[in-house]
Amino acid sequence: MKIYAGIFFFLLALRSGAQVPFFKSHPLAEEYLTVKVEKIYQDRQSLLWFGSTEGLFSFDGLDFQPFLKSDSTSQHVTAIYQQANGMLWIGYRDGSIYFLEKEQLVRWQPEEGTPAKAITGFAEDNAGHFWFSTYGEGVY
């Protein structure tokens, strides 16, 4: 009897189909078709951020929204990070650093200036100090 039950469940498993994967395409606007994405970051609200050669884009699961610097400097994003307080920081290949405030990119301009080399990463330590690294100018 156990053999028949085993054969029955085996045949039942063969007839039942596995889950079929579902893919949905979310195209960018035509002017961004040449964008090369180099960084992907998921923030604490589960929003996806894409750092690309043409700027920063957010994706909420339905639509892409571009966040572009207002000046004419390089839009090439090289680092993305969200602090514990929720502030989103974006580093660029030209060494500039921006943060997102009220859905606008705001340039961070410390007294000593920003590096001239690409920003490669951000971090925050347990004491609340904010750090960033560069490609060729060390850690600040």
C-alpha atoms as a PDB file:
ATOM      1  CA  MET A   1       0.000   0.000   0.000  1.00  0.00           C
ATOM      2  CA  LYS A   2       2.852   2.402   0.823  1.00  0.00           C
ATOM      3  CA  ILE A   3       4.344   1.820  -2.610  1.00  0.00           C
ATOM      4  CA  TYR A   4       1.075   2.773  -4.322  1.00  0.00           C
ATOM      5  CA  ALA A   5       0.813   5.930  -2.229  1.00  0.00           C
ATOM      6  CA  GLY A   6       4.417   6.845  -3.094  1.00  0.00           C
ATOM      7  CA  ILE A   7       3.804   6.272  -6.824  1.00  0.00           C
ATOM      8  CA  PHE A   8       0.577   8.279  -6.642  1.00  0.00           C
ATOM      9  CA  PHE A   9       2.297  11.302  -5.043  1.00  0.00           C
ATOM     10  CA  PHE A  10       5.213  11.035  -7.486  1.00  0.00           C
ATOM     11  CA  LEU A  11       2.836  11.063 -10.468  1.00  0.00           C
ATOM     12  CA  LEU A  12       0.842  13.890  -8.914  1.00  0.00           C
ATOM     13  CA  ALA A  13       4.045  15.928  -8.551  1.00  0.00           C
ATOM     14  CA  LEU A  14       4.881  15.321 -12.215  1.00  0.00           C
ATOM     15  CA  ARG A  15       1.499  16.617 -13.337  1.00  0.00           C
ATOM     16  CA  SER A  16       1.571  19.726 -11.210  1.00  0.00           C
ATOM     17  CA  GLY A  17       3.492  22.538 -12.853  1.00  0.00           C
ATOM     18  CA  ALA A  18       6.065  24.557 -11.035  1.00  0.00           C
ATOM     19  CA  GLN A  19       5.627  28.262 -10.668  1.00  0.00           C
ATOM     20  CA  VAL A  20       6.262  30.067 -13.892  1.00  0.00           C
ATOM     21  CA  PRO A  21       8.553  33.086 -13.447  1.00  0.00           C
ATOM     22  CA  PHE A  22       7.007  36.437 -14.266  1.00  0.00           C
ATOM     23  CA  PHE A  23       9.041  39.237 -15.814  1.00  0.00           C
ATOM     24  CA  LYS A  24       7.818  42.721 -16.537  1.00  0.00           C
ATOM     25  CA  SER A  25       9.805  45.262 -18.483  1.00  0.00           C
ATOM     26  CA  HIS A  26      10.064  48.841 -17.194  1.00  0.00           C
ATOM     27  CA  PRO A  27      11.644  50.895 -19.985  1.00  0.00           C
ATOM     28  CA  LEU A  28      13.382  54.205 -19.465  1.00  0.00           C
ATOM     29  CA  ALA A  29      12.343  57.294 -21.356  1.00  0.00           C
ATOM     30  CA  GLU A  30      13.835  57.432 -24.835  1.00  0.00           C
ATOM     31  CA  GLU A  31      16.418  60.098 -23.938  1.00  0.00           C
ATOM     32  CA  TYR A  32      17.959  57.716 -21.359  1.00  0.00           C
ATOM     33  CA  LEU A  33      18.290  54.627 -23.573  1.00  0.00           C
ATOM     34  CA  THR A  34      22.093  54.955 -23.686  1.00  0.00           C
ATOM     35  CA  VAL A  35      22.407  55.024 -19.884  1.00  0.00           C
ATOM     36  CA  LYS A  36      24.922  52.600 -18.402  1.00  0.00           C
ATOM     37  CA  VAL A  37      23.966  51.669 -14.823  1.00  0.00           C
ATOM     38  CA  GLU A  38      27.003  51.164 -12.592  1.00  0.00           C
ATOM     39  CA  LYS A  39      25.567  51.336  -9.049  1.00  0.00           C
ATOM     40  CA  ILE A  40      22.355  49.926  -7.595  1.00  0.00           C
ATOM     41  CA  TYR A  41      21.275  50.766  -4.045  1.00  0.00           C
ATOM     42  CA  GLN A  42      18.122  49.885  -2.098  1.00  0.00           C
ATOM     43  CA  ASP A  43      17.233  52.397   0.620  1.00  0.00           C
ATOM     44  CA  ARG A  44      15.405  51.755   3.891  1.00  0.00           C
ATOM     45  CA  GLN A  45      12.030  52.472   2.237  1.00  0.00           C
ATOM     46  CA  SER A  46      12.758  49.744  -0.389  1.00  0.00           C
ATOM     47  CA  LEU A  47      13.154  52.323  -3.153  1.00  0.00           C
ATOM     48  CA  LEU A  48      15.782  51.354  -5.731  1.00  0.00           C
ATOM     49  CA  TRP A  49      18.406  53.914  -6.735  1.00  0.00           C
ATOM     50  CA  PHE A  50      20.444  53.544  -9.917  1.00  0.00           C
ATOM     51  CA  GLY A  51      23.719  55.390 -10.337  1.00  0.00           C
ATOM     52  CA  SER A  52      24.580  55.699 -13.988  1.00  0.00           C
ATOM     53  CA  THR A  53      26.828  57.484 -16.446  1.00  0.00           C
ATOM     54  CA  GLU A  54      23.938  59.892 -17.053  1.00  0.00           C
ATOM     55  CA  GLY A  55      22.895  60.627 -13.457  1.00  0.00           C
ATOM     56  CA  LEU A  56      20.840  59.261 -10.582  1.00  0.00           C
ATOM     57  CA  PHE A  57      17.500  57.503 -11.076  1.00  0.00           C
ATOM     58  CA  SER A  58      15.006  56.183  -8.540  1.00  0.00           C
ATOM     59  CA  PHE A  59      12.629  53.322  -9.239  1.00  0.00           C
ATOM     60  CA  ASP A  60       9.522  52.724  -7.129  1.00  0.00           C
ATOM     61  CA  GLY A  61       8.460  49.490  -8.832  1.00  0.00           C
ATOM     62  CA  LEU A  62       6.469  51.281 -11.524  1.00  0.00           C
ATOM     63  CA  ASP A  63       8.347  54.327 -12.778  1.00  0.00           C
ATOM     64  CA  PHE A  64      11.868  55.701 -13.075  1.00  0.00           C
ATOM     65  CA  GLN A  65      12.507  59.249 -11.893  1.00  0.00           C
ATOM     66  CA  PRO A  66      15.716  61.081 -12.853  1.00  0.00           C
ATOM     67  CA  PHE A  67      17.598  63.231 -10.336  1.00  0.00           C
ATOM     68  CA  LEU A  68      20.113  65.302 -12.278  1.00  0.00           C
ATOM     69  CA  LYS A  69      22.607  67.888 -11.086  1.00  0.00           C
ATOM     70  CA  SER A  70      21.633  71.422 -12.065  1.00  0.00           C
ATOM     71  CA  ASP A  71      25.148  72.384 -13.136  1.00  0.00           C
ATOM     72  CA  SER A  72      26.773  71.218 -16.343  1.00  0.00           C
ATOM     73  CA  THR A  73      29.414  69.043 -14.664  1.00  0.00           C
ATOM     74  CA  SER A  74      29.629  65.274 -15.012  1.00  0.00           C
ATOM     75  CA  GLN A  75      26.462  63.344 -14.121  1.00  0.00           C
ATOM     76  CA  HIS A  76      28.434  60.084 -13.685  1.00  0.00           C
ATOM     77  CA  VAL A  77      27.365  58.581 -10.315  1.00  0.00           C
ATOM     78  CA  THR A  78      30.045  56.467  -8.595  1.00  0.00           C
ATOM     79  CA  ALA A  79      28.625  56.010  -5.045  1.00  0.00           C
ATOM     80  CA  ILE A  80      25.236  56.001  -3.281  1.00  0.00           C
ATOM     81  CA  TYR A  81      24.608  55.739   0.474  1.00  0.00           C
ATOM     82  CA  GLN A  82      21.794  56.353   2.961  1.00  0.00           C
ATOM     83  CA  GLN A  83      22.721  57.469   6.471  1.00  0.00           C
ATOM     84  CA  ALA A  84      20.955  56.169   9.576  1.00  0.00           C
ATOM     85  CA  ASN A  85      19.012  59.467   9.713  1.00  0.00           C
ATOM     86  CA  GLY A  86      17.639  58.796   6.202  1.00  0.00           C
ATOM     87  CA  MET A  87      19.830  61.310   4.298  1.00  0.00           C
ATOM     88  CA  LEU A  88      20.763  59.971   0.842  1.00  0.00           C
ATOM     89  CA  TRP A  89      24.274  60.853  -0.370  1.00  0.00           C
ATOM     90  CA  ILE A  90      25.492  60.632  -3.962  1.00  0.00           C
ATOM     91  CA  GLY A  91      29.130  60.720  -5.065  1.00  0.00           C
ATOM     92  CA  TYR A  92      30.223  61.553  -8.590  1.00  0.00           C
ATOM     93  CA  ARG A  93      33.194  60.774 -10.798  1.00  0.00           C
ATOM     94  CA  ASP A  94      34.302  64.436 -10.775  1.00  0.00           C
ATOM     95  CA  GLY A  95      34.643  64.363  -6.940  1.00  0.00           C
ATOM     96  CA  SER A  96      31.479  66.314  -6.220  1.00  0.00           C
ATOM     97  CA  ILE A  97      29.122  65.127  -3.488  1.00  0.00           C
ATOM     98  CA  TYR A  98      25.398  65.821  -3.360  1.00  0.00           C
ATOM     99  CA  PHE A  99      22.614  64.892  -0.952  1.00  0.00           C
ATOM    100  CA  LEU A 100      18.911  64.588  -1.602  1.00  0.00           C
ATOM    101  CA  GLU A 101      16.713  67.147   0.116  1.00  0.00           C
ATOM    102  CA  LYS A 102      12.993  67.506  -0.688  1.00  0.00           C
ATOM    103  CA  GLU A 103      13.494  65.520  -3.909  1.00  0.00           C
ATOM    104  CA  GLN A 104      16.225  67.906  -5.106  1.00  0.00           C
ATOM    105  CA  LEU A 105      19.964  67.301  -5.352  1.00  0.00           C
ATOM    106  CA  VAL A 106      21.881  69.774  -3.184  1.00  0.00           C
ATOM    107  CA  ARG A 107      25.650  70.125  -3.519  1.00  0.00           C
ATOM    108  CA  TRP A 108      27.639  69.514  -0.343  1.00  0.00           C
ATOM    109  CA  GLN A 109      30.356  72.157  -0.057  1.00  0.00           C
ATOM    110  CA  PRO A 110      32.580  71.788   3.020  1.00  0.00           C
ATOM    111  CA  GLU A 111      35.020  74.611   3.875  1.00  0.00           C
ATOM    112  CA  GLU A 112      38.020  72.602   2.728  1.00  0.00           C
ATOM    113  CA  GLY A 113      36.310  71.662  -0.529  1.00  0.00           C
ATOM    114  CA  THR A 114      35.638  68.299  -2.097  1.00  0.00           C
ATOM    115  CA  PRO A 115      38.180  66.042  -3.790  1.00  0.00           C
ATOM    116  CA  ALA A 116      39.045  66.221  -7.468  1.00  0.00           C
ATOM    117  CA  LYS A 117      38.944  62.424  -7.805  1.00  0.00           C
ATOM    118  CA  ALA A 118      35.962  60.064  -8.063  1.00  0.00           C
ATOM    119  CA  ILE A 119      34.016  59.289  -4.900  1.00  0.00           C
ATOM    120  CA  THR A 120      34.114  55.507  -4.376  1.00  0.00           C
ATOM    121  CA  GLY A 121      32.068  54.983  -1.222  1.00  0.00           C
ATOM    122  CA  PHE A 122      30.418  56.322   1.915  1.00  0.00           C
ATOM    123  CA  ALA A 123      30.215  54.970   5.467  1.00  0.00           C
ATOM    124  CA  GLU A 124      29.017  55.967   8.920  1.00  0.00           C
ATOM    125  CA  ASP A 125      30.641  54.734  12.127  1.00  0.00           C
ATOM    126  CA  ASN A 126      29.031  53.965  15.507  1.00  0.00           C
ATOM    127  CA  ALA A 127      29.916  57.436  16.799  1.00  0.00           C
ATOM    128  CA  GLY A 128      27.935  59.050  13.968  1.00  0.00           C
ATOM    129  CA  HIS A 129      30.978  60.211  11.998  1.00  0.00           C
ATOM    130  CA  PHE A 130      30.433  60.291   8.257  1.00  0.00           C
ATOM    131  CA  TRP A 131      33.220  59.018   5.998  1.00  0.00           C
ATOM    132  CA  PHE A 132      33.773  58.942   2.266  1.00  0.00           C
ATOM    133  CA  SER A 133      36.503  57.443   0.131  1.00  0.00           C
ATOM    134  CA  THR A 134      37.985  58.539  -3.163  1.00  0.00           C
ATOM    135  CA  TYR A 135      39.861  56.972  -6.005  1.00  0.00           C
ATOM    136  CA  GLY A 136      43.332  58.370  -5.438  1.00  0.00           C
ATOM    137  CA  GLU A 137      42.898  60.929  -2.649  1.00  0.00           C
ATOM    138  CA  GLY A 138      42.250  58.624   0.304  1.00  0.00           C
ATOM    139  CA  VAL A 139      39.531  58.610   2.959  1.00  0.00           C
ATOM    140  CA  TYR A 140      37.914  61.691   4.492  1.00  0.00           C
END
